[in-house]
Amino acid sequence: MAKKNCWEVKLCGREQGGKKVSELGVCPASNTVKADGVNNGKNGGRACWVIAGTLCEGKVQGIFSFKNVTCKECDFYKQVKDEEGEDFKETI
């Protein structure tokens, strides 16, 4: 089974071409190419916790140092960490 990116799990609609782009803008995780392949994701799709400007509970999140604690409680973060095991990368 293919590993899913954050927008495929969270269904935020902010991925490139997503249904909420006109309302909320494109999520930086979906177009951060420097994170492409990290944790086997597309762009920043499996490293969203290190990318500023992602959403959490409908609110735009800031820089990594401020959102790091909150993101570690996220179900998606825990899912990626579990799926990647020893190969998990917390930062890029």
C-alpha atoms as a PDB file:
ATOM      1  CA  MET A   1       0.000   0.000   0.000  1.00  0.00           C
ATOM      2  CA  ALA A   2       1.300   3.458  -0.924  1.00  0.00           C
ATOM      3  CA  LYS A   3       2.137   5.814   1.908  1.00  0.00           C
ATOM      4  CA  LYS A   4      -0.148   8.835   2.006  1.00  0.00           C
ATOM      5  CA  ASN A   5       0.773  12.497   2.217  1.00  0.00           C
ATOM      6  CA  CYS A   6      -0.765  14.792   4.843  1.00  0.00           C
ATOM      7  CA  TRP A   7      -3.358  16.269   2.478  1.00  0.00           C
ATOM      8  CA  GLU A   8      -4.528  12.767   1.557  1.00  0.00           C
ATOM      9  CA  VAL A   9      -5.037  11.871   5.218  1.00  0.00           C
ATOM     10  CA  LYS A  10      -6.215  15.191   6.650  1.00  0.00           C
ATOM     11  CA  LEU A  11      -8.333  16.085   3.582  1.00  0.00           C
ATOM     12  CA  CYS A  12      -7.607  19.790   4.035  1.00  0.00           C
ATOM     13  CA  GLY A  13      -8.100  20.617   0.346  1.00  0.00           C
ATOM     14  CA  ARG A  14      -5.002  22.842   0.281  1.00  0.00           C
ATOM     15  CA  GLU A  15      -2.871  20.617  -1.950  1.00  0.00           C
ATOM     16  CA  GLN A  16      -2.070  21.883  -5.442  1.00  0.00           C
ATOM     17  CA  GLY A  17      -5.398  21.852  -7.296  1.00  0.00           C
ATOM     18  CA  GLY A  18      -7.301  21.147  -4.058  1.00  0.00           C
ATOM     19  CA  LYS A  19     -10.890  22.219  -3.438  1.00  0.00           C
ATOM     20  CA  LYS A  20     -10.026  24.834  -0.780  1.00  0.00           C
ATOM     21  CA  VAL A  21      -7.055  26.501  -2.498  1.00  0.00           C
ATOM     22  CA  SER A  22      -9.103  29.527  -3.574  1.00  0.00           C
ATOM     23  CA  GLU A  23     -10.291  30.016   0.012  1.00  0.00           C
ATOM     24  CA  LEU A  24      -7.175  29.094   2.037  1.00  0.00           C
ATOM     25  CA  GLY A  25      -4.307  29.092  -0.461  1.00  0.00           C
ATOM     26  CA  VAL A  26      -1.934  26.301  -1.435  1.00  0.00           C
ATOM     27  CA  CYS A  27      -0.359  24.611   1.561  1.00  0.00           C
ATOM     28  CA  PRO A  28       3.425  25.020   1.647  1.00  0.00           C
ATOM     29  CA  ALA A  29       3.782  21.300   2.425  1.00  0.00           C
ATOM     30  CA  SER A  30       2.325  20.416  -0.969  1.00  0.00           C
ATOM     31  CA  ASN A  31       4.858  22.474  -2.930  1.00  0.00           C
ATOM     32  CA  THR A  32       8.035  22.390  -0.806  1.00  0.00           C
ATOM     33  CA  VAL A  33      10.244  20.519  -3.245  1.00  0.00           C
ATOM     34  CA  LYS A  34      13.275  20.567  -0.930  1.00  0.00           C
ATOM     35  CA  ALA A  35      11.373  18.032   1.204  1.00  0.00           C
ATOM     36  CA  ASP A  36      10.466  15.777  -1.738  1.00  0.00           C
ATOM     37  CA  GLY A  37      11.074  12.167  -0.800  1.00  0.00           C
ATOM     38  CA  VAL A  38      11.464  12.820   2.933  1.00  0.00           C
ATOM     39  CA  ASN A  39       9.712   9.964   4.740  1.00  0.00           C
ATOM     40  CA  ASN A  40       8.704   8.699   1.279  1.00  0.00           C
ATOM     41  CA  GLY A  41       6.388  11.641   0.654  1.00  0.00           C
ATOM     42  CA  LYS A  42       5.654  13.963  -2.236  1.00  0.00           C
ATOM     43  CA  ASN A  43       7.221  17.375  -1.606  1.00  0.00           C
ATOM     44  CA  GLY A  44       6.589  18.094   2.115  1.00  0.00           C
ATOM     45  CA  GLY A  45       3.620  15.753   2.383  1.00  0.00           C
ATOM     46  CA  ARG A  46       5.240  13.511   4.971  1.00  0.00           C
ATOM     47  CA  ALA A  47       7.259  16.199   6.765  1.00  0.00           C
ATOM     48  CA  CYS A  48       4.557  18.854   7.199  1.00  0.00           C
ATOM     49  CA  TRP A  49       5.541  19.441  10.834  1.00  0.00           C
ATOM     50  CA  VAL A  50       8.754  21.206   9.771  1.00  0.00           C
ATOM     51  CA  ILE A  51       7.095  23.476   7.216  1.00  0.00           C
ATOM     52  CA  ALA A  52       5.693  26.843   8.294  1.00  0.00           C
ATOM     53  CA  GLY A  53       2.223  27.763   7.102  1.00  0.00           C
ATOM     54  CA  THR A  54       0.532  24.375   7.355  1.00  0.00           C
ATOM     55  CA  LEU A  55      -2.887  24.077   9.005  1.00  0.00           C
ATOM     56  CA  CYS A  56      -3.694  22.461  12.331  1.00  0.00           C
ATOM     57  CA  GLU A  57      -7.315  22.371  13.412  1.00  0.00           C
ATOM     58  CA  GLY A  58      -8.099  25.090  10.869  1.00  0.00           C
ATOM     59  CA  LYS A  59      -5.372  27.474  12.033  1.00  0.00           C
ATOM     60  CA  VAL A  60      -2.209  28.360  10.121  1.00  0.00           C
ATOM     61  CA  GLN A  61       0.850  27.240  12.046  1.00  0.00           C
ATOM     62  CA  GLY A  62       4.110  29.169  12.312  1.00  0.00           C
ATOM     63  CA  ILE A  63       7.733  28.113  12.350  1.00  0.00           C
ATOM     64  CA  PHE A  64       8.999  24.683  13.395  1.00  0.00           C
ATOM     65  CA  SER A  65      10.219  25.746  16.830  1.00  0.00           C
ATOM     66  CA  PHE A  66       6.718  26.942  17.770  1.00  0.00           C
ATOM     67  CA  LYS A  67       4.676  24.146  16.244  1.00  0.00           C
ATOM     68  CA  ASN A  68       7.011  21.248  17.027  1.00  0.00           C
ATOM     69  CA  VAL A  69       5.322  20.294  20.319  1.00  0.00           C
ATOM     70  CA  THR A  70       1.808  20.459  18.874  1.00  0.00           C
ATOM     71  CA  CYS A  71       2.740  18.483  15.784  1.00  0.00           C
ATOM     72  CA  LYS A  72       4.223  15.635  17.828  1.00  0.00           C
ATOM     73  CA  GLU A  73       0.713  15.079  19.214  1.00  0.00           C
ATOM     74  CA  CYS A  74      -0.808  14.901  15.714  1.00  0.00           C
ATOM     75  CA  ASP A  75      -2.171  11.540  14.544  1.00  0.00           C
ATOM     76  CA  PHE A  76      -0.566  12.017  11.130  1.00  0.00           C
ATOM     77  CA  TYR A  77       2.887  12.690  12.636  1.00  0.00           C
ATOM     78  CA  LYS A  78       2.541   9.527  14.728  1.00  0.00           C
ATOM     79  CA  GLN A  79       1.390   7.560  11.675  1.00  0.00           C
ATOM     80  CA  VAL A  80       4.401   8.630   9.602  1.00  0.00           C
ATOM     81  CA  LYS A  81       6.784   7.928  12.474  1.00  0.00           C
ATOM     82  CA  ASP A  82       5.299   4.451  12.886  1.00  0.00           C
ATOM     83  CA  GLU A  83       5.304   3.689   9.137  1.00  0.00           C
ATOM     84  CA  GLU A  84       8.900   4.840   8.639  1.00  0.00           C
ATOM     85  CA  GLY A  85      10.308   3.162  11.749  1.00  0.00           C
ATOM     86  CA  GLU A  86      14.083   3.533  11.983  1.00  0.00           C
ATOM     87  CA  ASP A  87      14.140   5.519   8.724  1.00  0.00           C
ATOM     88  CA  PHE A  88      11.888   8.275  10.115  1.00  0.00           C
ATOM     89  CA  LYS A  89      13.241  11.790   9.565  1.00  0.00           C
ATOM     90  CA  GLU A  90      11.953  14.436  11.971  1.00  0.00           C
ATOM     91  CA  THR A  91      13.691  17.309  10.174  1.00  0.00           C
ATOM     92  CA  ILE A  92      14.760  17.942   6.601  1.00  0.00           C
END
